[in-house]
PDB file of all heavy atoms in Angstrom:
ATOM      1  N   GLU A   1     -28.951 163.532  81.385  1.00  0.00           N
ATOM      2  CA  GLU A   1     -29.504 162.842  80.221  1.00  0.00           C
ATOM      3  C   GLU A   1     -30.923 163.344  79.980  1.00  0.00           C
ATOM      4  O   GLU A   1     -31.611 163.782  80.901  1.00  0.00           O
ATOM      5  CB  GLU A   1     -29.528 161.325  80.454  1.00  0.00           C
ATOM      6  CG  GLU A   1     -30.022 160.502  79.273  1.00  0.00           C
ATOM      7  CD  GLU A   1     -30.140 159.020  79.587  1.00  0.00           C
ATOM      8  OE1 GLU A   1     -29.947 158.644  80.763  1.00  0.00           O
ATOM      9  OE2 GLU A   1     -30.454 158.250  78.663  1.00  0.00           O
ATOM     10  N   ALA A   2     -31.351 163.276  78.729  1.00  0.00           N
ATOM     11  CA  ALA A   2     -32.741 163.543  78.379  1.00  0.00           C
ATOM     12  C   ALA A   2     -33.092 162.685  77.174  1.00  0.00           C
ATOM     13  O   ALA A   2     -32.223 162.311  76.378  1.00  0.00           O
ATOM     14  CB  ALA A   2     -32.962 165.023  78.072  1.00  0.00           C
ATOM     15  N   GLY A   3     -34.364 162.347  77.044  1.00  0.00           N
ATOM     16  CA  GLY A   3     -34.768 161.484  75.942  1.00  0.00           C
ATOM     17  C   GLY A   3     -36.263 161.260  75.947  1.00  0.00           C
ATOM     18  O   GLY A   3     -37.031 162.001  76.563  1.00  0.00           O
ATOM     19  N   SER A   4     -36.687 160.186  75.263  1.00  0.00           N
ATOM     20  CA  SER A   4     -38.094 159.837  75.144  1.00  0.00           C
ATOM     21  C   SER A   4     -38.399 158.544  75.878  1.00  0.00           C
ATOM     22  O   SER A   4     -37.660 157.565  75.748  1.00  0.00           O
ATOM     23  CB  SER A   4     -38.486 159.684  73.670  1.00  0.00           C
ATOM     24  OG  SER A   4     -38.372 160.917  72.985  1.00  0.00           O
ATOM     25  N   SER A   5     -39.481 158.548  76.640  1.00  0.00           N
ATOM     26  CA  SER A   5     -39.963 157.338  77.297  1.00  0.00           C
ATOM     27  C   SER A   5     -41.016 156.637  76.456  1.00  0.00           C
ATOM     28  O   SER A   5     -41.260 155.443  76.627  1.00  0.00           O
ATOM     29  CB  SER A   5     -40.584 157.676  78.662  1.00  0.00           C
ATOM     30  OG  SER A   5     -39.755 158.502  79.419  1.00  0.00           O
ATOM     31  N   LEU A   6     -41.667 157.393  75.560  1.00  0.00           N
ATOM     32  CA  LEU A   6     -42.770 156.859  74.756  1.00  0.00           C
ATOM     33  C   LEU A   6     -42.905 157.692  73.501  1.00  0.00           C
ATOM     34  O   LEU A   6     -42.851 158.927  73.546  1.00  0.00           O
ATOM     35  CB  LEU A   6     -44.074 156.908  75.562  1.00  0.00           C
ATOM     36  CG  LEU A   6     -45.386 156.686  74.807  1.00  0.00           C
ATOM     37  CD1 LEU A   6     -45.464 155.257  74.267  1.00  0.00           C
ATOM     38  CD2 LEU A   6     -46.589 156.984  75.702  1.00  0.00           C
ATOM     39  N   THR A   7     -43.097 157.018  72.363  1.00  0.00           N
ATOM     40  CA  THR A   7     -43.438 157.671  71.101  1.00  0.00           C
ATOM     41  C   THR A   7     -44.611 156.917  70.482  1.00  0.00           C
ATOM     42  O   THR A   7     -44.928 155.793  70.884  1.00  0.00           O
ATOM     43  CB  THR A   7     -42.251 157.675  70.118  1.00  0.00           C
ATOM     44  OG1 THR A   7     -41.847 156.318  69.869  1.00  0.00           O
ATOM     45  CG2 THR A   7     -41.071 158.448  70.685  1.00  0.00           C
ATOM     46  N   GLY A   8     -45.270 157.535  69.513  1.00  0.00           N
ATOM     47  CA  GLY A   8     -46.332 156.852  68.783  1.00  0.00           C
ATOM     48  C   GLY A   8     -47.688 156.881  69.461  1.00  0.00           C
ATOM     49  O   GLY A   8     -48.584 156.122  69.074  1.00  0.00           O
ATOM     50  N   SER A   9     -47.873 157.735  70.434  1.00  0.00           N
ATOM     51  CA  SER A   9     -49.147 157.844  71.125  1.00  0.00           C
ATOM     52  C   SER A   9     -49.839 159.151  70.732  1.00  0.00           C
ATOM     53  O   SER A   9     -49.311 159.932  69.944  1.00  0.00           O
ATOM     54  CB  SER A   9     -48.953 157.758  72.638  1.00  0.00           C
ATOM     55  OG  SER A   9     -48.027 158.734  73.065  1.00  0.00           O
ATOM     56  N   ILE A  10     -51.030 159.395  71.325  1.00  0.00           N
ATOM     57  CA  ILE A  10     -51.845 160.536  70.919  1.00  0.00           C
ATOM     58  C   ILE A  10     -52.291 161.316  72.152  1.00  0.00           C
ATOM     59  O   ILE A  10     -52.890 160.757  73.067  1.00  0.00           O
ATOM     60  CB  ILE A  10     -53.096 160.072  70.151  1.00  0.00           C
ATOM     61  CG1 ILE A  10     -52.697 159.287  68.904  1.00  0.00           C
ATOM     62  CG2 ILE A  10     -53.981 161.257  69.774  1.00  0.00           C
ATOM     63  CD1 ILE A  10     -53.871 158.609  68.219  1.00  0.00           C
ATOM     64  N   GLY A  11     -52.014 162.601  72.183  1.00  0.00           N
ATOM     65  CA  GLY A  11     -52.585 163.487  73.179  1.00  0.00           C
ATOM     66  C   GLY A  11     -52.400 163.035  74.614  1.00  0.00           C
ATOM     67  O   GLY A  11     -53.363 162.942  75.371  1.00  0.00           O
ATOM     68  N   ASN A  12     -51.151 162.792  75.004  1.00  0.00           N
ATOM     69  CA  ASN A  12     -50.879 162.317  76.366  1.00  0.00           C
ATOM     70  C   ASN A  12     -51.042 163.470  77.348  1.00  0.00           C
ATOM     71  O   ASN A  12     -50.271 164.423  77.332  1.00  0.00           O
ATOM     72  CB  ASN A  12     -49.477 161.737  76.439  1.00  0.00           C
ATOM     73  CG  ASN A  12     -49.314 160.558  75.493  1.00  0.00           C
ATOM     74  OD1 ASN A  12     -49.229 160.732  74.284  1.00  0.00           O
ATOM     75  ND2 ASN A  12     -49.309 159.369  76.040  1.00  0.00           N
ATOM     76  N   CYS A  13     -52.049 163.366  78.202  1.00  0.00           N
ATOM     77  CA  CYS A  13     -52.404 164.478  79.073  1.00  0.00           C
ATOM     78  C   CYS A  13     -51.768 164.308  80.449  1.00  0.00           C
ATOM     79  O   CYS A  13     -50.656 164.717  80.668  1.00  0.00           O
ATOM     80  CB  CYS A  13     -53.915 164.601  79.169  1.00  0.00           C
ATOM     81  SG  CYS A  13     -54.450 166.156  79.910  1.00  0.00           S
ATOM     82  N   ALA A  14     -52.465 163.709  81.381  1.00  0.00           N
ATOM     83  CA  ALA A  14     -51.877 163.488  82.701  1.00  0.00           C
ATOM     84  C   ALA A  14     -51.508 162.004  82.827  1.00  0.00           C
ATOM     85  O   ALA A  14     -51.225 161.332  81.845  1.00  0.00           O
ATOM     86  CB  ALA A  14     -52.829 163.944  83.803  1.00  0.00           C
ATOM     87  N   GLY A  15     -51.531 161.487  84.040  1.00  0.00           N
ATOM     88  CA  GLY A  15     -51.140 160.103  84.273  1.00  0.00           C
ATOM     89  C   GLY A  15     -50.844 159.909  85.734  1.00  0.00           C
ATOM     90  O   GLY A  15     -51.427 160.581  86.594  1.00  0.00           O
ATOM     91  N   GLY A  16     -49.909 159.009  86.035  1.00  0.00           N
ATOM     92  CA  GLY A  16     -49.544 158.772  87.418  1.00  0.00           C
ATOM     93  C   GLY A  16     -48.425 157.760  87.523  1.00  0.00           C
ATOM     94  O   GLY A  16     -48.222 156.932  86.629  1.00  0.00           O
ATOM     95  N   ALA A  17     -47.693 157.835  88.625  1.00  0.00           N
ATOM     96  CA  ALA A  17     -46.599 156.902  88.884  1.00  0.00           C
ATOM     97  C   ALA A  17     -47.120 155.662  89.596  1.00  0.00           C
ATOM     98  O   ALA A  17     -48.084 155.734  90.370  1.00  0.00           O
ATOM     99  CB  ALA A  17     -45.533 157.570  89.734  1.00  0.00           C
ATOM    100  N   THR A  18     -46.478 154.525  89.344  1.00  0.00           N
ATOM    101  CA  THR A  18     -46.815 153.296  90.059  1.00  0.00           C
ATOM    102  C   THR A  18     -45.785 153.050  91.161  1.00  0.00           C
ATOM    103  O   THR A  18     -44.648 153.534  91.085  1.00  0.00           O
ATOM    104  CB  THR A  18     -46.825 152.083  89.123  1.00  0.00           C
ATOM    105  OG1 THR A  18     -45.473 151.821  88.693  1.00  0.00           O
ATOM    106  CG2 THR A  18     -47.712 152.326  87.912  1.00  0.00           C
ATOM    107  N   PRO A  19     -46.154 152.270  92.178  1.00  0.00           N
ATOM    108  CA  PRO A  19     -45.194 151.956  93.245  1.00  0.00           C
ATOM    109  C   PRO A  19     -44.012 151.128  92.769  1.00  0.00           C
ATOM    110  O   PRO A  19     -42.984 151.082  93.443  1.00  0.00           O
ATOM    111  CB  PRO A  19     -46.037 151.172  94.263  1.00  0.00           C
ATOM    112  CG  PRO A  19     -47.452 151.537  93.964  1.00  0.00           C
ATOM    113  CD  PRO A  19     -47.501 151.769  92.486  1.00  0.00           C
ATOM    114  N   TRP A  20     -44.164 150.468  91.621  1.00  0.00           N
ATOM    115  CA  TRP A  20     -43.060 149.641  91.114  1.00  0.00           C
ATOM    116  C   TRP A  20     -42.198 150.394  90.104  1.00  0.00           C
ATOM    117  O   TRP A  20     -41.386 149.814  89.401  1.00  0.00           O
ATOM    118  CB  TRP A  20     -43.595 148.338  90.517  1.00  0.00           C
ATOM    119  CG  TRP A  20     -44.743 148.486  89.557  1.00  0.00           C
ATOM    120  CD1 TRP A  20     -44.686 148.645  88.198  1.00  0.00           C
ATOM    121  CD2 TRP A  20     -46.139 148.460  89.896  1.00  0.00           C
ATOM    122  NE1 TRP A  20     -45.947 148.736  87.670  1.00  0.00           N
ATOM    123  CE2 TRP A  20     -46.861 148.613  88.688  1.00  0.00           C
ATOM    124  CE3 TRP A  20     -46.843 148.315  91.087  1.00  0.00           C
ATOM    125  CZ2 TRP A  20     -48.265 148.637  88.651  1.00  0.00           C
ATOM    126  CZ3 TRP A  20     -48.228 148.346  91.049  1.00  0.00           C
ATOM    127  CH2 TRP A  20     -48.925 148.493  89.845  1.00  0.00           C
ATOM    128  N   GLY A  21     -42.379 151.720  90.022  1.00  0.00           N
ATOM    129  CA  GLY A  21     -41.421 152.547  89.291  1.00  0.00           C
ATOM    130  C   GLY A  21     -41.693 152.762  87.832  1.00  0.00           C
ATOM    131  O   GLY A  21     -40.763 153.086  87.076  1.00  0.00           O
ATOM    132  N   THR A  22     -42.955 152.623  87.388  1.00  0.00           N
ATOM    133  CA  THR A  22     -43.293 152.928  86.011  1.00  0.00           C
ATOM    134  C   THR A  22     -44.225 154.133  85.965  1.00  0.00           C
ATOM    135  O   THR A  22     -44.821 154.528  86.972  1.00  0.00           O
ATOM    136  CB  THR A  22     -43.958 151.739  85.304  1.00  0.00           C
ATOM    137  OG1 THR A  22     -45.156 151.361  86.019  1.00  0.00           O
ATOM    138  CG2 THR A  22     -43.014 150.544  85.245  1.00  0.00           C
ATOM    139  N   TRP A  23     -44.347 154.711  84.787  1.00  0.00           N
ATOM    140  CA  TRP A  23     -45.198 155.878  84.561  1.00  0.00           C
ATOM    141  C   TRP A  23     -46.399 155.452  83.719  1.00  0.00           C
ATOM    142  O   TRP A  23     -46.243 154.829  82.664  1.00  0.00           O
ATOM    143  CB  TRP A  23     -44.410 156.951  83.845  1.00  0.00           C
ATOM    144  CG  TRP A  23     -45.183 158.108  83.275  1.00  0.00           C
ATOM    145  CD1 TRP A  23     -45.269 158.474  81.957  1.00  0.00           C
ATOM    146  CD2 TRP A  23     -45.946 159.087  84.004  1.00  0.00           C
ATOM    147  NE1 TRP A  23     -46.034 159.604  81.828  1.00  0.00           N
ATOM    148  CE2 TRP A  23     -46.472 160.000  83.063  1.00  0.00           C
ATOM    149  CE3 TRP A  23     -46.243 159.271  85.358  1.00  0.00           C
ATOM    150  CZ2 TRP A  23     -47.273 161.087  83.432  1.00  0.00           C
ATOM    151  CZ3 TRP A  23     -47.030 160.347  85.732  1.00  0.00           C
ATOM    152  CH2 TRP A  23     -47.540 161.240  84.782  1.00  0.00           C
ATOM    153  N   LEU A  24     -47.598 155.777  84.197  1.00  0.00           N
ATOM    154  CA  LEU A  24     -48.822 155.528  83.449  1.00  0.00           C
ATOM    155  C   LEU A  24     -49.186 156.804  82.711  1.00  0.00           C
ATOM    156  O   LEU A  24     -49.606 157.788  83.316  1.00  0.00           O
ATOM    157  CB  LEU A  24     -49.948 155.099  84.383  1.00  0.00           C
ATOM    158  CG  LEU A  24     -49.686 153.841  85.207  1.00  0.00           C
ATOM    159  CD1 LEU A  24     -50.874 153.523  86.099  1.00  0.00           C
ATOM    160  CD2 LEU A  24     -49.356 152.657  84.303  1.00  0.00           C
ATOM    161  N   SER A  25     -48.997 156.805  81.410  1.00  0.00           N
ATOM    162  CA  SER A  25     -49.273 157.973  80.581  1.00  0.00           C
ATOM    163  C   SER A  25     -50.644 157.804  79.938  1.00  0.00           C
ATOM    164  O   SER A  25     -50.898 156.815  79.248  1.00  0.00           O
ATOM    165  CB  SER A  25     -48.200 158.122  79.503  1.00  0.00           C
ATOM    166  OG  SER A  25     -48.425 159.274  78.721  1.00  0.00           O
ATOM    167  N   CYS A  26     -51.532 158.777  80.171  1.00  0.00           N
ATOM    168  CA  CYS A  26     -52.938 158.652  79.773  1.00  0.00           C
ATOM    169  C   CYS A  26     -53.252 159.527  78.567  1.00  0.00           C
ATOM    170  O   CYS A  26     -52.945 160.724  78.572  1.00  0.00           O
ATOM    171  CB  CYS A  26     -53.844 159.039  80.932  1.00  0.00           C
ATOM    172  SG  CYS A  26     -53.679 157.982  82.383  1.00  0.00           S
ATOM    173  N   GLU A  27     -53.888 158.939  77.574  1.00  0.00           N
ATOM    174  CA  GLU A  27     -54.287 159.667  76.376  1.00  0.00           C
ATOM    175  C   GLU A  27     -55.677 160.288  76.575  1.00  0.00           C
ATOM    176  O   GLU A  27     -56.610 159.611  76.997  1.00  0.00           O
ATOM    177  CB  GLU A  27     -54.333 158.741  75.169  1.00  0.00           C
ATOM    178  CG  GLU A  27     -52.988 158.174  74.762  1.00  0.00           C
ATOM    179  CD  GLU A  27     -53.101 157.250  73.568  1.00  0.00           C
ATOM    180  OE1 GLU A  27     -54.106 156.504  73.486  1.00  0.00           O
ATOM    181  OE2 GLU A  27     -52.199 157.263  72.726  1.00  0.00           O
ATOM    182  N   GLU A  28     -55.798 161.555  76.206  1.00  0.00           N
ATOM    183  CA  GLU A  28     -57.056 162.271  76.384  1.00  0.00           C
ATOM    184  C   GLU A  28     -57.790 162.409  75.049  1.00  0.00           C
ATOM    185  O   GLU A  28     -57.760 163.442  74.394  1.00  0.00           O
ATOM    186  CB  GLU A  28     -56.808 163.651  77.005  1.00  0.00           C
ATOM    187  CG  GLU A  28     -58.092 164.376  77.377  1.00  0.00           C
ATOM    188  CD  GLU A  28     -57.870 165.815  77.784  1.00  0.00           C
ATOM    189  OE1 GLU A  28     -56.701 166.190  78.018  1.00  0.00           O
ATOM    190  OE2 GLU A  28     -58.854 166.561  77.855  1.00  0.00           O
ATOM    191  N   TRP A  29     -58.451 161.333  74.641  1.00  0.00           N
ATOM    192  CA  TRP A  29     -59.371 161.348  73.498  1.00  0.00           C
ATOM    193  C   TRP A  29     -60.335 160.190  73.679  1.00  0.00           C
ATOM    194  O   TRP A  29     -60.159 159.371  74.576  1.00  0.00           O
ATOM    195  CB  TRP A  29     -58.626 161.294  72.166  1.00  0.00           C
ATOM    196  CG  TRP A  29     -57.733 160.101  71.948  1.00  0.00           C
ATOM    197  CD1 TRP A  29     -56.521 159.865  72.522  1.00  0.00           C
ATOM    198  CD2 TRP A  29     -57.986 158.987  71.081  1.00  0.00           C
ATOM    199  NE1 TRP A  29     -55.981 158.679  72.084  1.00  0.00           N
ATOM    200  CE2 TRP A  29     -56.871 158.120  71.189  1.00  0.00           C
ATOM    201  CE3 TRP A  29     -59.019 158.643  70.232  1.00  0.00           C
ATOM    202  CZ2 TRP A  29     -56.784 156.920  70.472  1.00  0.00           C
ATOM    203  CZ3 TRP A  29     -58.927 157.451  69.511  1.00  0.00           C
ATOM    204  CH2 TRP A  29     -57.823 156.606  69.629  1.00  0.00           C
ATOM    205  N   PHE A  30     -61.412 160.142  72.883  1.00  0.00           N
ATOM    206  CA  PHE A  30     -62.508 159.207  73.170  1.00  0.00           C
ATOM    207  C   PHE A  30     -62.068 157.745  73.161  1.00  0.00           C
ATOM    208  O   PHE A  30     -62.681 156.898  73.814  1.00  0.00           O
ATOM    209  CB  PHE A  30     -63.666 159.419  72.187  1.00  0.00           C
ATOM    210  CG  PHE A  30     -63.333 159.043  70.760  1.00  0.00           C
ATOM    211  CD1 PHE A  30     -63.512 157.754  70.298  1.00  0.00           C
ATOM    212  CD2 PHE A  30     -62.835 160.001  69.881  1.00  0.00           C
ATOM    213  CE1 PHE A  30     -63.202 157.411  68.977  1.00  0.00           C
ATOM    214  CE2 PHE A  30     -62.518 159.659  68.567  1.00  0.00           C
ATOM    215  CZ  PHE A  30     -62.707 158.365  68.113  1.00  0.00           C
ATOM    216  N   GLY A  31     -60.998 157.429  72.436  1.00  0.00           N
ATOM    217  CA  GLY A  31     -60.450 156.069  72.452  1.00  0.00           C
ATOM    218  C   GLY A  31     -59.127 156.006  73.189  1.00  0.00           C
ATOM    219  O   GLY A  31     -58.292 155.136  72.904  1.00  0.00           O
ATOM    220  N   GLY A  32     -58.945 156.919  74.138  1.00  0.00           N
ATOM    221  CA  GLY A  32     -57.667 157.046  74.823  1.00  0.00           C
ATOM    222  C   GLY A  32     -57.248 155.801  75.591  1.00  0.00           C
ATOM    223  O   GLY A  32     -58.072 155.122  76.206  1.00  0.00           O
ATOM    224  N   ARG A  33     -55.960 155.549  75.559  1.00  0.00           N
ATOM    225  CA  ARG A  33     -55.373 154.374  76.215  1.00  0.00           C
ATOM    226  C   ARG A  33     -54.476 154.800  77.366  1.00  0.00           C
ATOM    227  O   ARG A  33     -54.086 155.956  77.473  1.00  0.00           O
ATOM    228  CB  ARG A  33     -54.544 153.576  75.191  1.00  0.00           C
ATOM    229  CG  ARG A  33     -55.327 153.112  73.979  1.00  0.00           C
ATOM    230  CD  ARG A  33     -54.428 152.837  72.786  1.00  0.00           C
ATOM    231  NE  ARG A  33     -53.852 154.069  72.234  1.00  0.00           N
ATOM    232  CZ  ARG A  33     -53.059 154.103  71.169  1.00  0.00           C
ATOM    233  NH1 ARG A  33     -52.735 152.978  70.539  1.00  0.00           N
ATOM    234  NH2 ARG A  33     -52.572 155.248  70.730  1.00  0.00           N
ATOM    235  N   VAL A  34     -54.140 153.831  78.198  1.00  0.00           N
ATOM    236  CA  VAL A  34     -53.125 154.015  79.233  1.00  0.00           C
ATOM    237  C   VAL A  34     -51.876 153.267  78.793  1.00  0.00           C
ATOM    238  O   VAL A  34     -51.927 152.060  78.511  1.00  0.00           O
ATOM    239  CB  VAL A  34     -53.604 153.502  80.598  1.00  0.00           C
ATOM    240  CG1 VAL A  34     -52.470 153.616  81.633  1.00  0.00           C
ATOM    241  CG2 VAL A  34     -54.830 154.268  81.082  1.00  0.00           C
ATOM    242  N   TRP A  35     -50.772 153.971  78.729  1.00  0.00           N
ATOM    243  CA  TRP A  35     -49.480 153.377  78.391  1.00  0.00           C
ATOM    244  C   TRP A  35     -48.649 153.248  79.666  1.00  0.00           C
ATOM    245  O   TRP A  35     -48.509 154.213  80.416  1.00  0.00           O
ATOM    246  CB  TRP A  35     -48.714 154.259  77.409  1.00  0.00           C
ATOM    247  CG  TRP A  35     -49.313 154.379  76.045  1.00  0.00           C
ATOM    248  CD1 TRP A  35     -50.378 155.166  75.677  1.00  0.00           C
ATOM    249  CD2 TRP A  35     -48.873 153.720  74.854  1.00  0.00           C
ATOM    250  NE1 TRP A  35     -50.621 155.037  74.335  1.00  0.00           N
ATOM    251  CE2 TRP A  35     -49.712 154.154  73.798  1.00  0.00           C
ATOM    252  CE3 TRP A  35     -47.856 152.814  74.570  1.00  0.00           C
ATOM    253  CZ2 TRP A  35     -49.560 153.714  72.478  1.00  0.00           C
ATOM    254  CZ3 TRP A  35     -47.692 152.379  73.271  1.00  0.00           C
ATOM    255  CH2 TRP A  35     -48.538 152.814  72.244  1.00  0.00           C
ATOM    256  N   GLU A  36     -48.081 152.078  79.892  1.00  0.00           N
ATOM    257  CA  GLU A  36     -47.159 151.904  81.011  1.00  0.00           C
ATOM    258  C   GLU A  36     -45.734 152.038  80.483  1.00  0.00           C
ATOM    259  O   GLU A  36     -45.312 151.298  79.590  1.00  0.00           O
ATOM    260  CB  GLU A  36     -47.356 150.558  81.699  1.00  0.00           C
ATOM    261  CG  GLU A  36     -46.513 150.424  82.957  1.00  0.00           C
ATOM    262  CD  GLU A  36     -46.868 149.219  83.804  1.00  0.00           C
ATOM    263  OE1 GLU A  36     -47.569 148.311  83.307  1.00  0.00           O
ATOM    264  OE2 GLU A  36     -46.432 149.178  84.973  1.00  0.00           O
ATOM    265  N   CYS A  37     -45.002 153.012  81.035  1.00  0.00           N
ATOM    266  CA  CYS A  37     -43.710 153.394  80.480  1.00  0.00           C
ATOM    267  C   CYS A  37     -42.583 153.223  81.489  1.00  0.00           C
ATOM    268  O   CYS A  37     -42.740 153.550  82.671  1.00  0.00           O
ATOM    269  CB  CYS A  37     -43.737 154.871  80.057  1.00  0.00           C
ATOM    270  SG  CYS A  37     -45.139 155.365  79.049  1.00  0.00           S
ATOM    271  N   ASP A  38     -41.439 152.765  80.999  1.00  0.00           N
ATOM    272  CA  ASP A  38     -40.197 152.872  81.750  1.00  0.00           C
ATOM    273  C   ASP A  38     -39.804 154.348  81.730  1.00  0.00           C
ATOM    274  O   ASP A  38     -39.754 154.962  80.660  1.00  0.00           O
ATOM    275  CB  ASP A  38     -39.126 152.017  81.073  1.00  0.00           C
ATOM    276  CG  ASP A  38     -37.809 152.020  81.813  1.00  0.00           C
ATOM    277  OD1 ASP A  38     -37.252 153.118  82.032  1.00  0.00           O
ATOM    278  OD2 ASP A  38     -37.324 150.940  82.167  1.00  0.00           O
ATOM    279  N   PRO A  39     -39.527 154.958  82.876  1.00  0.00           N
ATOM    280  CA  PRO A  39     -39.246 156.405  82.885  1.00  0.00           C
ATOM    281  C   PRO A  39     -38.154 156.839  81.918  1.00  0.00           C
ATOM    282  O   PRO A  39     -38.267 157.907  81.300  1.00  0.00           O
ATOM    283  CB  PRO A  39     -38.854 156.677  84.341  1.00  0.00           C
ATOM    284  CG  PRO A  39     -39.596 155.640  85.119  1.00  0.00           C
ATOM    285  CD  PRO A  39     -39.577 154.418  84.252  1.00  0.00           C
ATOM    286  N   THR A  40     -37.106 156.057  81.780  1.00  0.00           N
ATOM    287  CA  THR A  40     -36.009 156.440  80.899  1.00  0.00           C
ATOM    288  C   THR A  40     -36.078 155.753  79.536  1.00  0.00           C
ATOM    289  O   THR A  40     -35.133 155.861  78.754  1.00  0.00           O
ATOM    290  CB  THR A  40     -34.651 156.124  81.548  1.00  0.00           C
ATOM    291  OG1 THR A  40     -34.555 154.705  81.762  1.00  0.00           O
ATOM    292  CG2 THR A  40     -34.492 156.845  82.866  1.00  0.00           C
ATOM    293  N   GLY A  41     -37.175 155.065  79.254  1.00  0.00           N
ATOM    294  CA  GLY A  41     -37.331 154.429  77.957  1.00  0.00           C
ATOM    295  C   GLY A  41     -36.430 153.234  77.739  1.00  0.00           C
ATOM    296  O   GLY A  41     -36.231 152.803  76.595  1.00  0.00           O
TER     297      GLY A  41
END
């Protein structure tokens, strides 16, 4: 399978996994946010 875990964000650069199984996707711009994502959306 392949697909999207997150849409509607801006410039997602790096991030990191959490111990509870989610992905923290980090936006790289001056107002960048951290999105917590289900890996398979």
